[in-house]
Amino acid sequence: MYRLVGLLLAFLTFAHSITVDEHGYIMYCPCMGRFGNQADHFLGSFGFAKALNRTLVLPPWVEYRKGEVRSIQVPFDTYFQVGPLQAFHRVITMENFMKTLAPSLWPPAERISFCYTERMGLDGSTGHGCNAKSGNPFGPFWDTFGVEFAGSEFFGPKLNYDIHHGDSMARRWSERYPAAQWPVLAFTGAPAAFPVQQENLLLHRYLRWSVKYETGAKQFIRDTLPRGAFIGVHLRNGIDWVRACEHVKESSNLFSSPQCLGYRNEHGQLTAELCMPGRDTIIRQLKRQIKLHREAAPDNPIRAVFVASDSNHMLGELNDALKRMDVTVVRHPDGNPHLDLAILGRANHFIGNCISSYSAFVKRERDANGFPSSFWAFPPEKPGAKVKGAGSSPQHEEL
């Protein structure tokens, strides 16, 4: 009896702690691309929610697994802590929102999907609506939470997601969709640009790995890597990437290339080597970075290179090329891309792909922690140029 009363009191206390935000909520489907793209969109949506002063409903991460016809929805807090985000703005996981608030705050008859303009369905028809559940991952995402939409709302062309250029956009959203009448703005896609706007880059500091991934990364570094410093590298070389790099010749910017070329190409131009660095470039750059680090920190030389890749990790070639430098090249045996990210973030130096949003995630995390990074084939090498000495490189954290 006493145990039952205790459980009831605990439930009532929990329910009471979930208060409704009178300023409203923002919800969206992270329905473009894989993790790197979704992370870019998350930062933009986080900034957008802050500007509109609405609580951001943290969506699950959309994943596509081999053998699965439909996408898989992985809760946001599987990979990242929710608490640190609160230091910037109010958030709630989608699982928590749908369980505790949606039944009364967002009943089925009032579930309206938001989109800029009509969205074509898979059958080619528009239906004069957002078709918010047409296709994969759109349908599976909302089905995970049993959401059916009662209607659509077009916010274009007068409204957009850019709340950084001009001081009226956030106010215009609030005037057109006051929280009292529109407590939930549920967007068909992320209310954010890709790649992430420059103004939102610093928001990455609030993304902290969950205890599981933080612990896993530390344990791998401690138990598997040789004692000493290590370089983390990302090699993007799968067949889909080969095809994507074919568009370099017709583009000035591609995917996350602004992270090294600049948002207005003020730092350089897109090249094929930047997108798909060759074997010689990779080996030459690694040897140079190992030498620079040893000159700057002779008491803590590079002893390992950790490789994350979507396809070819080049372990054999790299181990052969670096064996005379007493450097071991390794990968994580599990092939978990999120654990790879957490490990790359802790390297003494990181070399990534300028075009890749996966590399961009690592670069932002390292920038937030003051750790050095560079990119393959950037800046372009000048014929006959000699390597200059480098400044000191920070040690990776104590394990």
Protein backbone atom coordinates (compact mmCIF):
# COMPACT_ATOMS: atom_id res chain seq x y z
CA MET A 1 0.00 0.00 0.00
CA TYR A 2 2.72 2.47 1.01
CA ARG A 3 4.68 1.55 -2.12
CA LEU A 4 1.64 2.25 -4.31
CA VAL A 5 1.08 5.65 -2.67
CA GLY A 6 4.75 6.47 -3.16
CA LEU A 7 4.60 5.64 -6.84
CA LEU A 8 1.44 7.74 -7.23
CA LEU A 9 3.06 10.72 -5.53
CA ALA A 10 6.15 10.36 -7.70
CA PHE A 11 3.99 10.31 -10.82
CA LEU A 12 2.03 13.39 -9.74
CA THR A 13 5.27 15.23 -8.94
CA PHE A 14 6.68 14.37 -12.38
CA ALA A 15 3.48 15.38 -14.16
CA HIS A 16 3.39 18.65 -12.25
CA SER A 17 6.99 19.44 -13.25
CA ILE A 18 6.06 19.38 -16.96
CA THR A 19 4.63 22.85 -17.41
CA VAL A 20 3.23 24.23 -20.63
CA ASP A 21 5.34 26.91 -22.29
CA GLU A 22 2.97 29.82 -22.92
CA HIS A 23 5.28 31.00 -25.69
CA GLY A 24 4.65 27.84 -27.69
CA TYR A 25 6.69 25.08 -29.29
CA ILE A 26 8.57 24.34 -32.50
CA MET A 27 8.60 20.82 -33.90
CA TYR A 28 10.11 19.50 -37.13
CA CYS A 29 11.10 16.41 -39.06
CA PRO A 30 14.88 16.16 -39.68
CA CYS A 31 14.09 14.69 -43.06
CA MET A 32 17.06 15.79 -45.19
CA GLY A 33 20.18 13.67 -45.37
CA ARG A 34 21.99 11.64 -42.79
CA PHE A 35 23.50 12.62 -39.46
CA GLY A 36 25.85 15.37 -40.65
CA ASN A 37 23.09 17.21 -42.49
CA GLN A 38 20.65 16.72 -39.62
CA ALA A 39 23.18 18.16 -37.17
CA ASP A 40 23.53 21.28 -39.33
CA HIS A 41 19.75 21.60 -39.39
CA PHE A 42 19.53 21.10 -35.65
CA LEU A 43 21.79 24.08 -34.95
CA GLY A 44 19.74 26.30 -37.26
CA SER A 45 16.47 25.12 -35.72
CA PHE A 46 17.88 25.71 -32.23
CA GLY A 47 18.70 29.29 -33.16
CA PHE A 48 15.31 29.73 -34.84
CA ALA A 49 13.46 28.53 -31.71
CA LYS A 50 15.48 30.93 -29.57
CA ALA A 51 14.65 33.86 -31.85
CA LEU A 52 10.93 33.06 -31.75
CA ASN A 53 11.15 32.35 -27.99
CA ARG A 54 9.43 28.98 -28.40
CA THR A 55 10.54 25.72 -26.80
CA LEU A 56 12.28 23.45 -29.30
CA VAL A 57 10.95 19.91 -29.41
CA LEU A 58 14.06 17.79 -29.90
CA PRO A 59 13.34 15.34 -32.74
CA PRO A 60 14.83 11.87 -32.88
CA TRP A 61 17.70 11.35 -35.30
CA VAL A 62 16.60 9.72 -38.55
CA GLU A 63 18.73 6.75 -39.54
CA TYR A 64 18.71 4.41 -42.51
CA ARG A 65 19.86 0.89 -41.76
CA LYS A 66 20.78 -1.86 -44.14
CA GLY A 67 17.89 -4.23 -44.76
CA GLU A 68 15.30 -1.81 -43.35
CA VAL A 69 12.72 -0.45 -45.80
CA ARG A 70 11.69 2.41 -43.51
CA SER A 71 13.85 4.84 -41.59
CA ILE A 72 14.59 4.30 -37.91
CA GLN A 73 13.99 7.07 -35.37
CA VAL A 74 16.64 7.22 -32.63
CA PRO A 75 15.79 9.42 -29.60
CA PHE A 76 17.82 12.64 -29.46
CA ASP A 77 19.26 11.87 -26.03
CA THR A 78 20.71 8.56 -27.21
CA TYR A 79 23.66 10.54 -28.56
CA PHE A 80 23.52 13.89 -26.75
CA GLN A 81 22.71 15.25 -23.34
CA VAL A 82 19.60 17.40 -23.05
CA GLY A 83 20.71 19.38 -20.00
CA PRO A 84 23.52 21.44 -21.59
CA LEU A 85 21.14 22.67 -24.30
CA GLN A 86 19.00 24.35 -21.63
CA ALA A 87 21.85 26.79 -20.99
CA PHE A 88 21.03 28.40 -24.34
CA HIS A 89 17.29 27.84 -24.73
CA ARG A 90 14.33 25.74 -23.60
CA VAL A 91 14.05 22.24 -25.07
CA ILE A 92 12.04 19.06 -24.54
CA THR A 93 12.48 15.68 -26.19
CA MET A 94 9.78 14.69 -28.65
CA GLU A 95 9.09 11.51 -26.71
CA ASN A 96 8.43 13.56 -23.57
CA PHE A 97 6.34 16.15 -25.41
CA MET A 98 4.11 13.60 -27.13
CA LYS A 99 3.55 11.67 -23.92
CA THR A 100 2.93 14.50 -21.46
CA LEU A 101 1.79 17.57 -23.41
CA ALA A 102 0.49 16.64 -26.85
CA PRO A 103 -2.79 14.98 -25.77
CA SER A 104 -4.15 18.26 -24.38
CA LEU A 105 -1.97 20.95 -25.97
CA TRP A 106 -1.85 19.50 -29.49
CA PRO A 107 -4.91 17.26 -29.94
CA PRO A 108 -5.33 15.35 -33.23
CA ALA A 109 -7.88 17.79 -34.67
CA GLU A 110 -5.41 20.68 -34.29
CA ARG A 111 -2.32 19.06 -35.75
CA ILE A 112 -1.38 21.27 -38.68
CA SER A 113 1.77 20.77 -40.75
CA PHE A 114 3.74 23.86 -41.79
CA CYS A 115 5.55 24.22 -45.10
CA TYR A 116 6.69 27.07 -47.33
CA THR A 117 4.41 26.06 -50.19
CA GLU A 118 2.68 22.97 -51.54
CA ARG A 119 4.79 19.84 -51.43
CA MET A 120 4.39 17.21 -54.12
CA GLY A 121 3.49 13.71 -53.01
CA LEU A 122 5.14 10.53 -54.27
CA ASP A 123 2.37 10.06 -56.81
CA GLY A 124 3.06 13.47 -58.31
CA SER A 125 0.02 15.16 -56.82
CA THR A 126 0.06 18.04 -54.36
CA GLY A 127 -3.34 17.67 -52.82
CA HIS A 128 -3.11 21.39 -52.05
CA GLY A 129 -1.18 20.63 -48.88
CA CYS A 130 2.21 19.92 -47.33
CA ASN A 131 2.00 16.14 -47.85
CA ALA A 132 3.95 16.00 -44.61
CA LYS A 133 3.89 12.19 -44.43
CA SER A 134 4.53 11.38 -48.06
CA GLY A 135 7.69 9.34 -48.60
CA ASN A 136 10.51 8.06 -46.43
CA PRO A 137 11.55 9.31 -43.89
CA PHE A 138 8.57 11.69 -43.64
CA GLY A 139 5.94 9.00 -43.09
CA PRO A 140 7.94 6.79 -40.71
CA PHE A 141 9.05 9.80 -38.68
CA TRP A 142 5.55 10.99 -37.81
CA ASP A 143 4.19 7.43 -37.59
CA THR A 144 6.67 6.77 -34.78
CA PHE A 145 4.57 9.12 -32.66
CA GLY A 146 1.18 8.29 -34.14
CA VAL A 147 0.81 11.73 -35.72
CA GLU A 148 -1.78 12.33 -38.44
CA PHE A 149 -2.18 15.89 -39.73
CA ALA A 150 -5.59 17.51 -39.95
CA GLY A 151 -4.46 20.21 -42.37
CA SER A 152 -1.64 22.28 -43.84
CA GLU A 153 -0.40 25.83 -43.40
CA PHE A 154 1.73 27.69 -45.95
CA PHE A 155 3.95 30.38 -44.45
CA GLY A 156 5.68 31.48 -47.65
CA PRO A 157 6.60 33.72 -49.28
CA LYS A 158 6.35 36.41 -46.60
CA LEU A 159 8.10 34.38 -43.89
CA ASN A 160 11.36 32.42 -43.89
CA TYR A 161 13.87 30.91 -41.45
CA ASP A 162 16.57 33.57 -41.66
CA ILE A 163 16.34 35.40 -38.34
CA HIS A 164 19.89 36.79 -38.49
CA HIS A 165 19.72 39.26 -41.37
CA GLY A 166 17.22 41.93 -40.47
CA ASP A 167 15.55 42.43 -37.12
CA SER A 168 11.92 41.84 -38.06
CA MET A 169 11.60 38.19 -39.14
CA ALA A 170 11.15 36.74 -35.64
CA ARG A 171 8.58 39.43 -34.83
CA ARG A 172 6.69 38.72 -38.04
CA TRP A 173 6.47 35.03 -37.18
CA SER A 174 5.06 35.87 -33.76
CA GLU A 175 2.55 38.30 -35.19
CA ARG A 176 1.28 35.90 -37.84
CA TYR A 177 1.28 32.83 -35.58
CA PRO A 178 0.73 33.95 -31.96
CA ALA A 179 1.27 31.17 -29.44
CA ALA A 180 -2.21 31.56 -28.00
CA GLN A 181 -3.74 30.45 -31.31
CA TRP A 182 -0.82 28.37 -32.61
CA PRO A 183 0.81 26.65 -29.61
CA VAL A 184 2.74 24.23 -31.88
CA LEU A 185 4.45 25.03 -35.16
CA ALA A 186 5.12 21.61 -36.70
CA PHE A 187 7.35 21.93 -39.77
CA THR A 188 7.50 19.39 -42.58
CA GLY A 189 11.28 19.86 -42.66
CA ALA A 190 13.80 21.64 -40.48
CA PRO A 191 13.29 25.42 -40.12
CA ALA A 192 16.93 25.98 -40.99
CA ALA A 193 19.38 26.35 -43.86
CA PHE A 194 21.96 23.87 -45.08
CA PRO A 195 24.83 24.21 -44.62
CA VAL A 196 24.43 25.77 -41.20
CA GLN A 197 24.47 29.57 -41.24
CA GLN A 198 27.66 31.15 -39.98
CA GLU A 199 25.77 32.86 -37.15
CA ASN A 200 24.71 29.45 -35.75
CA LEU A 201 28.13 27.77 -35.72
CA LEU A 202 28.81 28.68 -32.09
CA LEU A 203 25.66 26.88 -30.93
CA HIS A 204 27.56 23.62 -31.29
CA ARG A 205 29.16 24.31 -27.90
CA TYR A 206 25.88 23.21 -26.28
CA LEU A 207 25.96 19.76 -27.93
CA ARG A 208 27.55 17.37 -25.42
CA TRP A 209 27.87 13.66 -26.06
CA SER A 210 25.80 11.34 -23.89
CA VAL A 211 27.62 9.52 -21.11
CA LYS A 212 27.61 6.30 -23.17
CA TYR A 213 29.46 7.84 -26.12
CA GLU A 214 31.75 10.02 -24.05
CA THR A 215 32.78 7.00 -21.99
CA GLY A 216 33.16 4.80 -25.07
CA ALA A 217 35.47 7.30 -26.76
CA LYS A 218 37.66 7.71 -23.67
CA GLN A 219 37.88 3.95 -23.16
CA PHE A 220 38.94 3.32 -26.76
CA ILE A 221 41.64 5.99 -26.59
CA ARG A 222 42.91 4.66 -23.26
CA ASP A 223 42.78 0.93 -24.03
CA THR A 224 43.50 0.71 -27.77
CA LEU A 225 45.68 3.60 -28.92
CA PRO A 226 49.42 3.62 -28.16
CA ARG A 227 50.35 5.90 -25.30
CA GLY A 228 50.98 9.42 -26.62
CA ALA A 229 49.31 11.86 -28.97
CA PHE A 230 47.18 10.87 -31.94
CA ILE A 231 45.78 12.36 -35.14
CA GLY A 232 42.17 11.76 -36.12
CA VAL A 233 41.26 11.71 -39.81
CA HIS A 234 38.06 11.39 -41.80
CA LEU A 235 38.22 9.73 -45.21
CA ARG A 236 35.04 10.20 -47.24
CA ASN A 237 35.41 7.89 -50.23
CA GLY A 238 32.30 5.74 -50.72
CA ILE A 239 30.69 5.37 -54.14
CA ASP A 240 27.99 7.94 -53.34
CA TRP A 241 30.74 10.44 -52.50
CA VAL A 242 32.56 9.69 -55.75
CA ARG A 243 29.38 10.61 -57.59
CA ALA A 244 28.83 13.73 -55.48
CA CYS A 245 32.34 14.97 -56.27
CA GLU A 246 31.50 14.87 -59.98
CA HIS A 247 29.53 18.09 -59.37
CA VAL A 248 32.61 20.02 -58.29
CA LYS A 249 33.30 21.33 -61.78
CA GLU A 250 29.89 22.99 -61.96
CA SER A 251 29.75 24.37 -58.41
CA SER A 252 31.36 27.16 -56.43
CA ASN A 253 30.24 25.68 -53.10
CA LEU A 254 29.19 22.11 -52.33
CA PHE A 255 27.64 20.77 -49.12
CA SER A 256 29.80 21.97 -46.18
CA SER A 257 32.59 23.56 -48.23
CA PRO A 258 32.02 27.01 -46.63
CA GLN A 259 33.76 25.64 -43.53
CA CYS A 260 37.10 26.04 -45.29
CA LEU A 261 36.38 28.08 -48.44
CA GLY A 262 34.20 30.64 -46.68
CA TYR A 263 30.56 31.46 -47.26
CA ARG A 264 31.50 33.75 -50.14
CA ASN A 265 34.49 31.71 -51.32
CA GLU A 266 36.73 34.32 -49.74
CA HIS A 267 39.29 31.65 -48.81
CA GLY A 268 39.53 29.71 -52.06
CA GLN A 269 37.81 27.76 -54.79
CA LEU A 270 36.32 24.30 -54.95
CA THR A 271 38.58 21.63 -56.48
CA ALA A 272 38.32 17.90 -57.19
CA GLU A 273 41.25 17.20 -54.84
CA LEU A 274 39.49 19.05 -52.04
CA CYS A 275 36.47 16.78 -52.46
CA MET A 276 38.32 13.50 -53.07
CA PRO A 277 41.97 13.75 -51.99
CA GLY A 278 44.30 11.22 -53.59
CA ARG A 279 46.45 8.69 -51.79
CA ASP A 280 49.62 10.76 -52.20
CA THR A 281 47.94 13.87 -50.80
CA ILE A 282 46.69 11.98 -47.76
CA ILE A 283 50.05 10.38 -46.97
CA ARG A 284 52.05 13.54 -47.59
CA GLN A 285 49.74 15.61 -45.38
CA LEU A 286 49.81 13.05 -42.58
CA LYS A 287 53.61 12.88 -42.60
CA ARG A 288 53.79 16.66 -42.53
CA GLN A 289 51.39 16.93 -39.58
CA ILE A 290 53.22 14.21 -37.63
CA LYS A 291 56.53 16.05 -38.17
CA LEU A 292 55.08 19.43 -37.21
CA HIS A 293 53.59 18.03 -34.02
CA ARG A 294 56.85 16.35 -33.02
CA GLU A 295 58.74 19.60 -33.54
CA ALA A 296 56.20 21.52 -31.47
CA ALA A 297 55.71 18.90 -28.74
CA PRO A 298 58.78 16.57 -28.67
CA ASP A 299 57.78 15.15 -25.29
CA ASN A 300 54.42 13.97 -26.61
CA PRO A 301 54.91 12.77 -30.21
CA ILE A 302 52.19 11.39 -32.46
CA ARG A 303 52.00 7.63 -31.95
CA ALA A 304 48.74 6.79 -33.73
CA VAL A 305 46.37 7.84 -36.50
CA PHE A 306 42.70 7.06 -35.95
CA VAL A 307 40.68 6.72 -39.16
CA ALA A 308 36.93 7.14 -39.60
CA SER A 309 35.54 6.36 -43.04
CA ASP A 310 32.31 5.53 -44.83
CA SER A 311 34.12 3.00 -47.04
CA ASN A 312 37.90 2.55 -47.40
CA HIS A 313 39.90 3.19 -44.21
CA MET A 314 43.19 2.67 -46.10
CA LEU A 315 44.71 0.95 -43.05
CA GLY A 316 47.19 -1.16 -45.02
CA GLU A 317 48.45 1.69 -47.19
CA LEU A 318 48.72 4.15 -44.32
CA ASN A 319 50.43 1.70 -41.96
CA ASP A 320 53.00 0.92 -44.65
CA ALA A 321 53.61 4.60 -45.32
CA LEU A 322 53.97 5.57 -41.64
CA LYS A 323 55.75 2.55 -40.12
CA ARG A 324 59.17 4.24 -40.28
CA MET A 325 57.74 7.09 -38.21
CA ASP A 326 56.70 4.62 -35.48
CA VAL A 327 53.02 5.48 -35.99
CA THR A 328 50.16 2.95 -35.88
CA VAL A 329 47.02 3.46 -37.96
CA VAL A 330 43.77 2.08 -36.50
CA ARG A 331 40.00 2.19 -36.79
CA HIS A 332 37.26 1.29 -34.32
CA PRO A 333 36.16 -2.31 -34.92
CA ASP A 334 32.47 -1.57 -34.36
CA GLY A 335 32.18 0.89 -37.24
CA ASN A 336 29.82 3.08 -35.19
CA PRO A 337 29.85 6.52 -36.90
CA HIS A 338 28.78 8.37 -33.76
CA LEU A 339 31.48 6.78 -31.63
CA ASP A 340 33.97 7.62 -34.38
CA LEU A 341 32.85 11.25 -34.12
CA ALA A 342 33.34 11.29 -30.37
CA ILE A 343 36.86 9.89 -30.77
CA LEU A 344 37.78 12.34 -33.55
CA GLY A 345 36.73 15.20 -31.32
CA ARG A 346 39.40 14.21 -28.78
CA ALA A 347 42.36 13.87 -31.14
CA ASN A 348 45.41 16.11 -30.77
CA HIS A 349 44.84 17.14 -34.37
CA PHE A 350 42.04 16.42 -36.84
CA ILE A 351 42.20 16.32 -40.63
CA GLY A 352 38.82 16.24 -42.33
CA ASN A 353 37.08 16.59 -45.66
CA CYS A 354 36.15 20.21 -46.35
CA ILE A 355 33.03 19.22 -48.31
CA SER A 356 31.64 16.72 -45.79
CA SER A 357 29.05 17.67 -43.16
CA TYR A 358 30.35 14.74 -41.06
CA SER A 359 33.78 16.39 -40.96
CA ALA A 360 32.05 19.72 -40.29
CA PHE A 361 30.52 18.28 -37.11
CA VAL A 362 33.98 17.36 -35.81
CA LYS A 363 35.43 20.72 -36.78
CA ARG A 364 32.71 22.64 -34.90
CA GLU A 365 33.12 20.53 -31.77
CA ARG A 366 36.88 21.00 -31.82
CA ASP A 367 36.56 24.74 -32.41
CA ALA A 368 34.31 24.94 -29.35
CA ASN A 369 37.03 23.21 -27.29
CA GLY A 370 39.96 25.10 -28.79
CA PHE A 371 41.45 22.04 -30.53
CA PRO A 372 43.26 22.35 -33.90
CA SER A 373 41.90 21.02 -37.19
CA SER A 374 42.78 21.12 -40.88
CA PHE A 375 41.44 19.83 -44.18
CA TRP A 376 42.73 17.57 -46.92
CA ALA A 377 44.25 19.54 -49.82
CA PHE A 378 43.54 22.89 -48.19
CA PRO A 379 45.02 25.33 -48.64
CA PRO A 380 46.30 24.09 -52.02
CA GLU A 381 49.98 23.23 -51.95
CA LYS A 382 52.32 25.51 -53.85
CA PRO A 383 54.90 23.67 -55.96
CA GLY A 384 58.22 23.51 -54.12
CA ALA A 385 56.82 25.04 -50.93
CA LYS A 386 58.56 24.04 -47.69
CA VAL A 387 56.76 23.29 -44.47
CA LYS A 388 57.07 25.98 -41.84
CA GLY A 389 57.15 25.33 -38.12
CA ALA A 390 53.83 25.02 -36.32
CA GLY A 391 52.69 26.36 -33.01
CA SER A 392 52.15 24.13 -30.04
CA SER A 393 49.30 21.65 -30.19
CA PRO A 394 47.10 21.17 -27.12
CA GLN A 395 47.07 17.78 -25.42
CA HIS A 396 43.90 15.75 -25.64
CA GLU A 397 42.02 15.56 -22.36
CA GLU A 398 43.11 13.41 -19.42
CA LEU A 399 41.48 10.00 -19.53
